[in-house]
């Protein structure tokens, strides 16, 4: 796994969610989400990042400034913050396509208030994957739980469950 590529991919994905949150009615978000989704895997490489950047050029009517904004985040030659928790990425990356598909579904239904709230709840999820700043439990409590309570949803509840199971197993292992 190329952590540099993974880091920059997630920072660009985070920028997309921030853009959606700031303007839920933006015209190209579904295409951008589908483009990003094609590259969600643990084998990101500079070659795949270059292909993703080229795929942005195929999206019709995308604003040049917006396109450059995402491409800049994908600059894999910039330094990254110190991060090497590959286990965290492997444990939680499965949720990124779930988040992406939920966002696409809400955008297609034009439920813009909910799009805004969901984008607010998940905009830091890519950062959660590639930094040590967020634990799963903390991320869930700060972002996901309020969204779920407002919308009577169960979005990403497995973050909380996985973290509780992990804590329980850790206590069991350390007590024996």
N, C-alpha and C. Protein backbone atom coordinates (compact mmCIF):
# COMPACT_ATOMS: atom_id res chain seq x y z
N UNK A 1 0.85 -1.18 0.00
CA UNK A 1 0.00 0.00 0.00
C UNK A 1 0.89 1.24 0.00
N UNK A 2 0.61 2.14 -0.90
CA UNK A 2 1.34 3.39 -0.98
C UNK A 2 0.61 4.42 -0.10
N UNK A 3 1.14 4.64 1.11
CA UNK A 3 0.48 5.53 2.06
C UNK A 3 0.40 6.97 1.57
N UNK A 4 1.39 7.39 0.80
CA UNK A 4 1.36 8.74 0.25
C UNK A 4 0.18 8.91 -0.70
N UNK A 5 -0.01 7.95 -1.60
CA UNK A 5 -1.14 8.01 -2.53
C UNK A 5 -2.46 7.93 -1.77
N UNK A 6 -2.53 7.03 -0.79
CA UNK A 6 -3.75 6.88 0.00
C UNK A 6 -4.08 8.18 0.73
N UNK A 7 -3.08 8.80 1.32
CA UNK A 7 -3.28 10.05 2.04
C UNK A 7 -3.84 11.14 1.12
N UNK A 8 -3.22 11.34 -0.02
CA UNK A 8 -3.67 12.40 -0.93
C UNK A 8 -5.04 12.09 -1.54
N UNK A 9 -5.30 10.84 -1.82
CA UNK A 9 -6.62 10.44 -2.31
C UNK A 9 -7.69 10.80 -1.28
N UNK A 10 -7.43 10.48 -0.02
CA UNK A 10 -8.40 10.76 1.04
C UNK A 10 -8.56 12.25 1.28
N UNK A 11 -7.49 13.02 1.16
CA UNK A 11 -7.61 14.47 1.33
C UNK A 11 -8.47 15.06 0.20
N UNK A 12 -8.31 14.56 -1.02
CA UNK A 12 -9.14 15.03 -2.13
C UNK A 12 -10.60 14.61 -1.93
N UNK A 13 -10.80 13.39 -1.44
CA UNK A 13 -12.16 12.91 -1.17
C UNK A 13 -12.81 13.79 -0.09
N UNK A 14 -12.02 14.13 0.92
CA UNK A 14 -12.52 15.01 1.97
C UNK A 14 -12.92 16.36 1.38
N UNK A 15 -12.11 16.88 0.47
CA UNK A 15 -12.44 18.16 -0.18
C UNK A 15 -13.76 18.08 -0.94
N UNK A 16 -14.02 16.94 -1.56
CA UNK A 16 -15.29 16.76 -2.27
C UNK A 16 -16.46 16.82 -1.30
N UNK A 17 -16.35 16.13 -0.16
CA UNK A 17 -17.43 16.17 0.82
C UNK A 17 -17.62 17.58 1.38
N UNK A 18 -16.53 18.31 1.58
CA UNK A 18 -16.63 19.70 2.05
C UNK A 18 -17.34 20.56 1.00
N UNK A 19 -17.02 20.34 -0.26
CA UNK A 19 -17.68 21.08 -1.34
C UNK A 19 -19.18 20.78 -1.36
N UNK A 20 -19.52 19.52 -1.21
CA UNK A 20 -20.94 19.14 -1.20
C UNK A 20 -21.65 19.79 -0.03
N UNK A 21 -21.00 19.80 1.12
CA UNK A 21 -21.61 20.41 2.31
C UNK A 21 -21.84 21.89 2.09
N UNK A 22 -20.90 22.58 1.43
CA UNK A 22 -21.04 24.03 1.25
C UNK A 22 -22.04 24.40 0.15
N UNK A 23 -22.26 23.50 -0.81
CA UNK A 23 -23.20 23.78 -1.90
C UNK A 23 -23.86 22.46 -2.34
N UNK A 24 -24.84 21.98 -1.58
CA UNK A 24 -25.44 20.66 -1.87
C UNK A 24 -26.07 20.54 -3.27
N UNK A 25 -26.35 21.66 -3.92
CA UNK A 25 -27.01 21.60 -5.23
C UNK A 25 -26.01 21.65 -6.39
N UNK A 26 -24.72 21.52 -6.10
CA UNK A 26 -23.71 21.56 -7.17
C UNK A 26 -24.01 20.53 -8.25
N UNK A 27 -23.76 20.88 -9.51
CA UNK A 27 -24.21 20.05 -10.63
C UNK A 27 -23.39 18.79 -10.92
N UNK A 28 -22.17 18.69 -10.45
CA UNK A 28 -21.31 17.57 -10.87
C UNK A 28 -20.97 16.58 -9.76
N UNK A 29 -21.60 16.69 -8.63
CA UNK A 29 -21.20 15.87 -7.50
C UNK A 29 -21.40 14.37 -7.73
N UNK A 30 -22.47 14.00 -8.37
CA UNK A 30 -22.70 12.57 -8.61
C UNK A 30 -21.59 12.01 -9.50
N UNK A 31 -21.26 12.73 -10.56
CA UNK A 31 -20.17 12.28 -11.44
C UNK A 31 -18.83 12.23 -10.70
N UNK A 32 -18.57 13.22 -9.88
CA UNK A 32 -17.31 13.23 -9.12
C UNK A 32 -17.26 12.07 -8.13
N UNK A 33 -18.36 11.83 -7.44
CA UNK A 33 -18.40 10.71 -6.48
C UNK A 33 -18.19 9.37 -7.19
N UNK A 34 -18.83 9.20 -8.32
CA UNK A 34 -18.66 7.96 -9.08
C UNK A 34 -17.23 7.81 -9.59
N UNK A 35 -16.62 8.91 -9.95
CA UNK A 35 -15.23 8.88 -10.41
C UNK A 35 -14.30 8.49 -9.27
N UNK A 36 -14.46 9.12 -8.12
CA UNK A 36 -13.66 8.75 -6.96
C UNK A 36 -13.87 7.29 -6.58
N UNK A 37 -15.12 6.88 -6.59
CA UNK A 37 -15.45 5.52 -6.13
C UNK A 37 -14.71 4.44 -6.92
N UNK A 38 -14.45 4.70 -8.19
CA UNK A 38 -13.75 3.71 -9.02
C UNK A 38 -12.34 3.41 -8.50
N UNK A 39 -11.80 4.32 -7.70
CA UNK A 39 -10.41 4.18 -7.26
C UNK A 39 -10.27 3.82 -5.78
N UNK A 40 -11.37 3.52 -5.12
CA UNK A 40 -11.28 3.14 -3.71
C UNK A 40 -10.73 1.71 -3.64
N UNK A 41 -9.48 1.62 -3.31
CA UNK A 41 -8.88 0.31 -3.02
C UNK A 41 -7.58 0.54 -2.27
N UNK A 42 -7.01 -0.53 -1.79
CA UNK A 42 -5.80 -0.42 -0.99
C UNK A 42 -4.54 -0.40 -1.85
N UNK A 43 -4.70 -0.51 -3.15
CA UNK A 43 -3.55 -0.57 -4.05
C UNK A 43 -3.41 0.71 -4.88
N UNK A 44 -3.71 1.84 -4.28
CA UNK A 44 -3.53 3.11 -4.98
C UNK A 44 -2.05 3.32 -5.28
N UNK A 45 -1.78 3.86 -6.44
CA UNK A 45 -0.42 4.11 -6.88
C UNK A 45 -0.39 5.46 -7.59
N UNK A 46 0.80 6.01 -7.80
CA UNK A 46 0.86 7.26 -8.56
C UNK A 46 0.21 7.14 -9.94
N UNK A 47 0.32 5.97 -10.55
CA UNK A 47 -0.29 5.75 -11.86
C UNK A 47 -1.83 5.83 -11.77
N UNK A 48 -2.41 5.23 -10.72
CA UNK A 48 -3.86 5.30 -10.55
C UNK A 48 -4.31 6.72 -10.22
N UNK A 49 -3.52 7.43 -9.44
CA UNK A 49 -3.86 8.82 -9.12
C UNK A 49 -3.84 9.66 -10.40
N UNK A 50 -2.86 9.44 -11.26
CA UNK A 50 -2.79 10.16 -12.54
C UNK A 50 -4.01 9.84 -13.40
N UNK A 51 -4.45 8.58 -13.39
CA UNK A 51 -5.64 8.19 -14.15
C UNK A 51 -6.88 8.88 -13.57
N UNK A 52 -6.98 8.94 -12.26
CA UNK A 52 -8.10 9.64 -11.61
C UNK A 52 -8.13 11.10 -12.05
N UNK A 53 -6.98 11.75 -12.06
CA UNK A 53 -6.91 13.14 -12.51
C UNK A 53 -7.38 13.27 -13.96
N UNK A 54 -6.99 12.33 -14.80
CA UNK A 54 -7.44 12.35 -16.20
C UNK A 54 -8.95 12.12 -16.30
N UNK A 55 -9.48 11.26 -15.42
CA UNK A 55 -10.92 11.02 -15.42
C UNK A 55 -11.71 12.28 -15.08
N UNK A 56 -11.15 13.16 -14.26
CA UNK A 56 -11.82 14.43 -13.97
C UNK A 56 -12.04 15.21 -15.26
N UNK A 57 -11.08 15.13 -16.18
CA UNK A 57 -11.18 15.86 -17.44
C UNK A 57 -12.32 15.34 -18.31
N UNK A 58 -12.76 14.12 -18.06
CA UNK A 58 -13.85 13.52 -18.84
C UNK A 58 -15.23 13.94 -18.34
N UNK A 59 -15.29 14.52 -17.16
CA UNK A 59 -16.58 14.95 -16.61
C UNK A 59 -17.01 16.22 -17.31
N UNK A 60 -18.18 16.17 -17.92
CA UNK A 60 -18.68 17.31 -18.68
C UNK A 60 -19.13 18.44 -17.76
N UNK A 61 -18.89 19.64 -18.21
CA UNK A 61 -19.36 20.86 -17.54
C UNK A 61 -18.82 21.06 -16.13
N UNK A 62 -17.71 20.44 -15.82
CA UNK A 62 -17.13 20.68 -14.50
C UNK A 62 -16.34 21.98 -14.54
N UNK A 63 -16.51 22.76 -13.51
CA UNK A 63 -15.82 24.03 -13.40
C UNK A 63 -14.31 23.79 -13.29
N UNK A 64 -13.53 24.53 -14.05
CA UNK A 64 -12.07 24.36 -14.07
C UNK A 64 -11.46 24.59 -12.68
N UNK A 65 -11.97 25.56 -11.96
CA UNK A 65 -11.45 25.85 -10.62
C UNK A 65 -11.72 24.67 -9.69
N UNK A 66 -12.93 24.12 -9.76
CA UNK A 66 -13.28 22.97 -8.93
C UNK A 66 -12.40 21.76 -9.28
N UNK A 67 -12.21 21.53 -10.56
CA UNK A 67 -11.38 20.41 -11.02
C UNK A 67 -9.94 20.57 -10.51
N UNK A 68 -9.40 21.75 -10.65
CA UNK A 68 -8.03 22.00 -10.18
C UNK A 68 -7.91 21.87 -8.67
N UNK A 69 -8.97 22.23 -7.97
CA UNK A 69 -9.01 22.10 -6.51
C UNK A 69 -8.80 20.64 -6.10
N UNK A 70 -9.51 19.73 -6.75
CA UNK A 70 -9.36 18.31 -6.42
C UNK A 70 -8.03 17.75 -6.90
N UNK A 71 -7.61 18.18 -8.08
CA UNK A 71 -6.33 17.71 -8.61
C UNK A 71 -5.16 18.14 -7.72
N UNK A 72 -5.24 19.34 -7.17
CA UNK A 72 -4.18 19.83 -6.29
C UNK A 72 -4.07 18.94 -5.05
N UNK A 73 -5.19 18.54 -4.50
CA UNK A 73 -5.17 17.63 -3.34
C UNK A 73 -4.55 16.28 -3.68
N UNK A 74 -4.62 15.92 -4.93
CA UNK A 74 -4.09 14.61 -5.36
C UNK A 74 -2.60 14.67 -5.73
N UNK A 75 -1.96 15.77 -5.46
CA UNK A 75 -0.54 15.90 -5.78
C UNK A 75 0.27 14.98 -4.86
N UNK A 76 0.59 13.80 -5.36
CA UNK A 76 1.25 12.78 -4.54
C UNK A 76 2.72 13.08 -4.29
N UNK A 77 3.21 14.16 -4.85
CA UNK A 77 4.62 14.50 -4.63
C UNK A 77 4.81 15.45 -3.46
N UNK A 78 3.69 15.90 -2.87
CA UNK A 78 3.78 16.72 -1.67
C UNK A 78 4.02 15.80 -0.48
N UNK A 79 4.62 16.34 0.56
CA UNK A 79 4.82 15.56 1.77
C UNK A 79 3.49 15.30 2.45
N UNK A 80 3.48 14.26 3.26
CA UNK A 80 2.28 13.95 4.03
C UNK A 80 2.61 14.04 5.51
N UNK A 81 1.55 14.17 6.29
CA UNK A 81 1.72 14.10 7.73
C UNK A 81 2.15 12.68 8.08
N UNK A 82 2.78 12.53 9.20
CA UNK A 82 3.23 11.20 9.62
C UNK A 82 2.03 10.31 9.90
N UNK A 83 1.90 9.26 9.13
CA UNK A 83 0.81 8.32 9.31
C UNK A 83 1.25 6.96 8.80
N UNK A 84 1.05 5.95 9.60
CA UNK A 84 1.42 4.61 9.17
C UNK A 84 0.49 3.53 9.72
N UNK A 85 -0.73 3.92 10.08
CA UNK A 85 -1.68 2.97 10.64
C UNK A 85 -2.44 2.26 9.53
N UNK A 86 -1.75 1.34 8.88
CA UNK A 86 -2.34 0.59 7.77
C UNK A 86 -3.54 -0.22 8.26
N UNK A 87 -3.45 -0.72 9.48
CA UNK A 87 -4.53 -1.53 10.05
C UNK A 87 -5.84 -0.74 10.12
N UNK A 88 -5.74 0.54 10.48
CA UNK A 88 -6.93 1.39 10.56
C UNK A 88 -7.59 1.52 9.19
N UNK A 89 -6.77 1.77 8.17
CA UNK A 89 -7.32 1.90 6.82
C UNK A 89 -7.99 0.59 6.42
N UNK A 90 -7.32 -0.52 6.64
CA UNK A 90 -7.87 -1.83 6.25
C UNK A 90 -9.15 -2.14 7.01
N UNK A 91 -9.23 -1.72 8.26
CA UNK A 91 -10.43 -2.00 9.07
C UNK A 91 -11.65 -1.19 8.66
N UNK A 92 -11.44 0.01 8.12
CA UNK A 92 -12.57 0.91 7.90
C UNK A 92 -12.80 1.36 6.46
N UNK A 93 -11.91 1.04 5.54
CA UNK A 93 -12.09 1.54 4.17
C UNK A 93 -13.35 0.98 3.53
N UNK A 94 -13.82 -0.16 4.00
CA UNK A 94 -15.05 -0.75 3.45
C UNK A 94 -16.22 0.23 3.52
N UNK A 95 -16.18 1.16 4.48
CA UNK A 95 -17.30 2.08 4.68
C UNK A 95 -17.31 3.23 3.67
N UNK A 96 -16.19 3.50 3.02
CA UNK A 96 -16.16 4.63 2.10
C UNK A 96 -17.09 4.45 0.90
N UNK A 97 -17.16 3.27 0.27
CA UNK A 97 -18.16 3.10 -0.79
C UNK A 97 -19.60 3.18 -0.26
N UNK A 98 -19.81 2.76 0.97
CA UNK A 98 -21.14 2.86 1.59
C UNK A 98 -21.53 4.33 1.72
N UNK A 99 -20.61 5.13 2.21
CA UNK A 99 -20.83 6.57 2.35
C UNK A 99 -21.07 7.21 0.98
N UNK A 100 -20.25 6.83 0.02
CA UNK A 100 -20.36 7.39 -1.33
C UNK A 100 -21.71 7.06 -1.95
N UNK A 101 -22.13 5.82 -1.86
CA UNK A 101 -23.41 5.41 -2.45
C UNK A 101 -24.59 6.07 -1.75
N UNK A 102 -24.50 6.25 -0.45
CA UNK A 102 -25.56 6.96 0.27
C UNK A 102 -25.64 8.42 -0.19
N UNK A 103 -24.49 9.05 -0.38
CA UNK A 103 -24.48 10.44 -0.84
C UNK A 103 -25.07 10.53 -2.25
N UNK A 104 -24.70 9.61 -3.12
CA UNK A 104 -25.25 9.61 -4.48
C UNK A 104 -26.76 9.45 -4.43
N UNK A 105 -27.24 8.55 -3.60
CA UNK A 105 -28.69 8.32 -3.47
C UNK A 105 -29.41 9.59 -3.01
N UNK A 106 -28.86 10.26 -2.02
CA UNK A 106 -29.49 11.50 -1.52
C UNK A 106 -29.46 12.61 -2.57
N UNK A 107 -28.35 12.71 -3.30
CA UNK A 107 -28.26 13.72 -4.36
C UNK A 107 -29.26 13.44 -5.48
N UNK A 108 -29.40 12.18 -5.85
CA UNK A 108 -30.36 11.82 -6.90
C UNK A 108 -31.79 12.14 -6.48
N UNK A 109 -32.09 11.99 -5.20
CA UNK A 109 -33.43 12.30 -4.69
C UNK A 109 -33.62 13.80 -4.47
N UNK A 110 -32.53 14.56 -4.60
CA UNK A 110 -32.55 16.01 -4.39
C UNK A 110 -33.03 16.38 -2.99
N UNK A 111 -32.62 15.60 -2.01
CA UNK A 111 -32.92 15.87 -0.61
C UNK A 111 -31.78 16.73 -0.06
N UNK A 112 -31.77 18.00 -0.43
CA UNK A 112 -30.61 18.85 -0.21
C UNK A 112 -30.32 19.16 1.26
N UNK A 113 -31.34 19.26 2.09
CA UNK A 113 -31.06 19.47 3.52
C UNK A 113 -30.35 18.24 4.08
N UNK A 114 -30.83 17.08 3.69
CA UNK A 114 -30.21 15.84 4.18
C UNK A 114 -28.82 15.64 3.55
N UNK A 115 -28.66 16.04 2.28
CA UNK A 115 -27.34 15.99 1.63
C UNK A 115 -26.36 16.83 2.45
N UNK A 116 -26.77 18.03 2.80
CA UNK A 116 -25.91 18.91 3.60
C UNK A 116 -25.54 18.25 4.93
N UNK A 117 -26.54 17.74 5.62
CA UNK A 117 -26.29 17.13 6.93
C UNK A 117 -25.42 15.88 6.81
N UNK A 118 -25.65 15.08 5.78
CA UNK A 118 -24.84 13.87 5.59
C UNK A 118 -23.40 14.26 5.23
N UNK A 119 -23.25 15.25 4.37
CA UNK A 119 -21.90 15.72 4.03
C UNK A 119 -21.19 16.25 5.27
N UNK A 120 -21.94 16.93 6.13
CA UNK A 120 -21.37 17.41 7.38
C UNK A 120 -20.93 16.24 8.26
N UNK A 121 -21.71 15.18 8.27
CA UNK A 121 -21.39 14.01 9.10
C UNK A 121 -20.20 13.22 8.57
N UNK A 122 -20.00 13.20 7.26
CA UNK A 122 -18.96 12.33 6.69
C UNK A 122 -17.77 13.08 6.10
N UNK A 123 -17.78 14.40 6.14
CA UNK A 123 -16.70 15.13 5.47
C UNK A 123 -15.32 14.82 6.05
N UNK A 124 -15.25 14.45 7.30
CA UNK A 124 -13.95 14.10 7.89
C UNK A 124 -13.69 12.59 7.89
N UNK A 125 -14.58 11.81 7.31
CA UNK A 125 -14.35 10.36 7.29
C UNK A 125 -13.07 9.99 6.53
N UNK A 126 -12.80 10.57 5.36
CA UNK A 126 -11.52 10.25 4.71
C UNK A 126 -10.31 10.62 5.58
N UNK A 127 -10.40 11.74 6.27
CA UNK A 127 -9.31 12.13 7.17
C UNK A 127 -9.19 11.14 8.32
N UNK A 128 -10.31 10.69 8.84
CA UNK A 128 -10.31 9.67 9.89
C UNK A 128 -9.49 8.45 9.47
N UNK A 129 -9.62 8.08 8.19
CA UNK A 129 -8.92 6.89 7.70
C UNK A 129 -7.40 7.07 7.66
N UNK A 130 -6.92 8.27 7.42
CA UNK A 130 -5.48 8.45 7.18
C UNK A 130 -4.77 9.36 8.18
N UNK A 131 -5.40 9.62 9.30
CA UNK A 131 -4.71 10.37 10.35
C UNK A 131 -4.98 9.70 11.69
N UNK A 132 -4.20 10.07 12.65
CA UNK A 132 -4.38 9.53 14.00
C UNK A 132 -5.26 10.45 14.85
N UNK A 133 -5.80 11.49 14.24
CA UNK A 133 -6.57 12.48 14.98
C UNK A 133 -7.88 11.90 15.53
N UNK A 134 -8.52 11.04 14.75
CA UNK A 134 -9.84 10.52 15.13
C UNK A 134 -9.75 9.05 15.50
N UNK A 135 -10.39 8.67 16.60
CA UNK A 135 -10.67 7.25 16.86
C UNK A 135 -12.05 6.99 16.28
N UNK A 136 -12.36 5.72 16.04
CA UNK A 136 -13.68 5.39 15.49
C UNK A 136 -14.79 5.84 16.44
N UNK A 137 -14.59 5.62 17.72
CA UNK A 137 -15.60 5.99 18.70
C UNK A 137 -15.81 7.50 18.75
N UNK A 138 -14.72 8.25 18.75
CA UNK A 138 -14.82 9.71 18.80
C UNK A 138 -15.48 10.26 17.53
N UNK A 139 -15.07 9.72 16.38
CA UNK A 139 -15.66 10.18 15.12
C UNK A 139 -17.16 9.89 15.11
N UNK A 140 -17.53 8.70 15.52
CA UNK A 140 -18.95 8.33 15.54
C UNK A 140 -19.74 9.28 16.44
N UNK A 141 -19.25 9.52 17.65
CA UNK A 141 -19.99 10.36 18.60
C UNK A 141 -20.11 11.81 18.15
N UNK A 142 -19.07 12.35 17.53
CA UNK A 142 -19.08 13.76 17.14
C UNK A 142 -19.88 14.00 15.86
N UNK A 143 -19.77 13.10 14.89
CA UNK A 143 -20.36 13.36 13.57
C UNK A 143 -21.54 12.47 13.21
N UNK A 144 -21.38 11.18 13.36
CA UNK A 144 -22.39 10.25 12.85
C UNK A 144 -23.61 10.17 13.76
N UNK A 145 -23.40 10.08 15.04
CA UNK A 145 -24.52 9.94 15.98
C UNK A 145 -25.52 11.10 15.87
N UNK A 146 -25.07 12.37 15.83
CA UNK A 146 -26.05 13.46 15.68
C UNK A 146 -26.84 13.37 14.37
N UNK A 147 -26.16 12.98 13.29
CA UNK A 147 -26.86 12.81 12.01
C UNK A 147 -27.92 11.71 12.14
N UNK A 148 -27.53 10.59 12.70
CA UNK A 148 -28.46 9.46 12.84
C UNK A 148 -29.65 9.83 13.71
N UNK A 149 -29.40 10.57 14.77
CA UNK A 149 -30.50 10.98 15.65
C UNK A 149 -31.46 11.93 14.93
N UNK A 150 -30.93 12.88 14.19
CA UNK A 150 -31.78 13.83 13.48
C UNK A 150 -32.62 13.13 12.41
N UNK A 151 -31.99 12.24 11.64
CA UNK A 151 -32.65 11.63 10.49
C UNK A 151 -33.17 10.23 10.78
N UNK A 152 -33.12 9.80 12.01
CA UNK A 152 -33.60 8.45 12.39
C UNK A 152 -32.96 7.40 11.48
N UNK A 153 -31.64 7.46 11.39
CA UNK A 153 -30.88 6.60 10.48
C UNK A 153 -29.94 5.72 11.29
N UNK A 154 -29.30 4.79 10.62
CA UNK A 154 -28.32 3.91 11.26
C UNK A 154 -26.97 3.98 10.54
N UNK A 155 -26.73 5.08 9.87
CA UNK A 155 -25.51 5.27 9.09
C UNK A 155 -24.25 5.01 9.92
N UNK A 156 -23.41 4.16 9.42
CA UNK A 156 -22.10 3.88 10.00
C UNK A 156 -22.12 3.48 11.48
N UNK A 157 -23.21 2.89 11.93
CA UNK A 157 -23.27 2.41 13.31
C UNK A 157 -22.21 1.35 13.58
N UNK A 158 -21.76 0.68 12.52
CA UNK A 158 -20.74 -0.35 12.70
C UNK A 158 -19.42 0.24 13.19
N UNK A 159 -19.19 1.53 12.99
CA UNK A 159 -17.99 2.17 13.55
C UNK A 159 -18.00 2.03 15.07
N UNK A 160 -19.14 2.33 15.66
CA UNK A 160 -19.26 2.24 17.10
C UNK A 160 -19.19 0.79 17.56
N UNK A 161 -19.89 -0.11 16.85
CA UNK A 161 -19.88 -1.52 17.23
C UNK A 161 -18.49 -2.12 17.11
N UNK A 162 -17.80 -1.85 16.00
CA UNK A 162 -16.45 -2.39 15.82
C UNK A 162 -15.50 -1.89 16.91
N UNK A 163 -15.64 -0.63 17.27
CA UNK A 163 -14.77 -0.07 18.29
C UNK A 163 -15.04 -0.72 19.65
N UNK A 164 -16.31 -0.96 19.98
CA UNK A 164 -16.66 -1.61 21.25
C UNK A 164 -16.14 -3.04 21.28
N UNK A 165 -16.28 -3.76 20.16
CA UNK A 165 -15.77 -5.14 20.09
C UNK A 165 -14.26 -5.14 20.25
N UNK A 166 -13.59 -4.22 19.58
CA UNK A 166 -12.14 -4.11 19.66
C UNK A 166 -11.71 -3.84 21.11
N UNK A 167 -12.40 -2.92 21.79
CA UNK A 167 -12.07 -2.59 23.17
C UNK A 167 -12.30 -3.79 24.08
N UNK A 168 -13.39 -4.50 23.86
CA UNK A 168 -13.69 -5.69 24.66
C UNK A 168 -12.63 -6.77 24.46
N UNK A 169 -12.26 -7.01 23.20
CA UNK A 169 -11.21 -7.99 22.92
C UNK A 169 -9.88 -7.58 23.53
N UNK A 170 -9.57 -6.32 23.48
CA UNK A 170 -8.33 -5.82 24.04
C UNK A 170 -8.29 -6.04 25.54
N UNK A 171 -9.39 -5.77 26.23
CA UNK A 171 -9.47 -6.01 27.68
C UNK A 171 -9.31 -7.49 27.99
N UNK A 172 -9.97 -8.34 27.19
CA UNK A 172 -9.90 -9.78 27.40
C UNK A 172 -8.47 -10.29 27.22
N UNK A 173 -7.81 -9.85 26.16
CA UNK A 173 -6.44 -10.28 25.87
C UNK A 173 -5.48 -9.82 26.95
N UNK A 174 -5.64 -8.58 27.40
CA UNK A 174 -4.72 -8.03 28.41
C UNK A 174 -4.98 -8.58 29.81
N UNK A 175 -6.18 -9.09 30.06
CA UNK A 175 -6.48 -9.60 31.41
C UNK A 175 -6.08 -11.07 31.56
N UNK A 176 -5.77 -11.75 30.47
CA UNK A 176 -5.40 -13.17 30.57
C UNK A 176 -3.93 -13.38 30.69
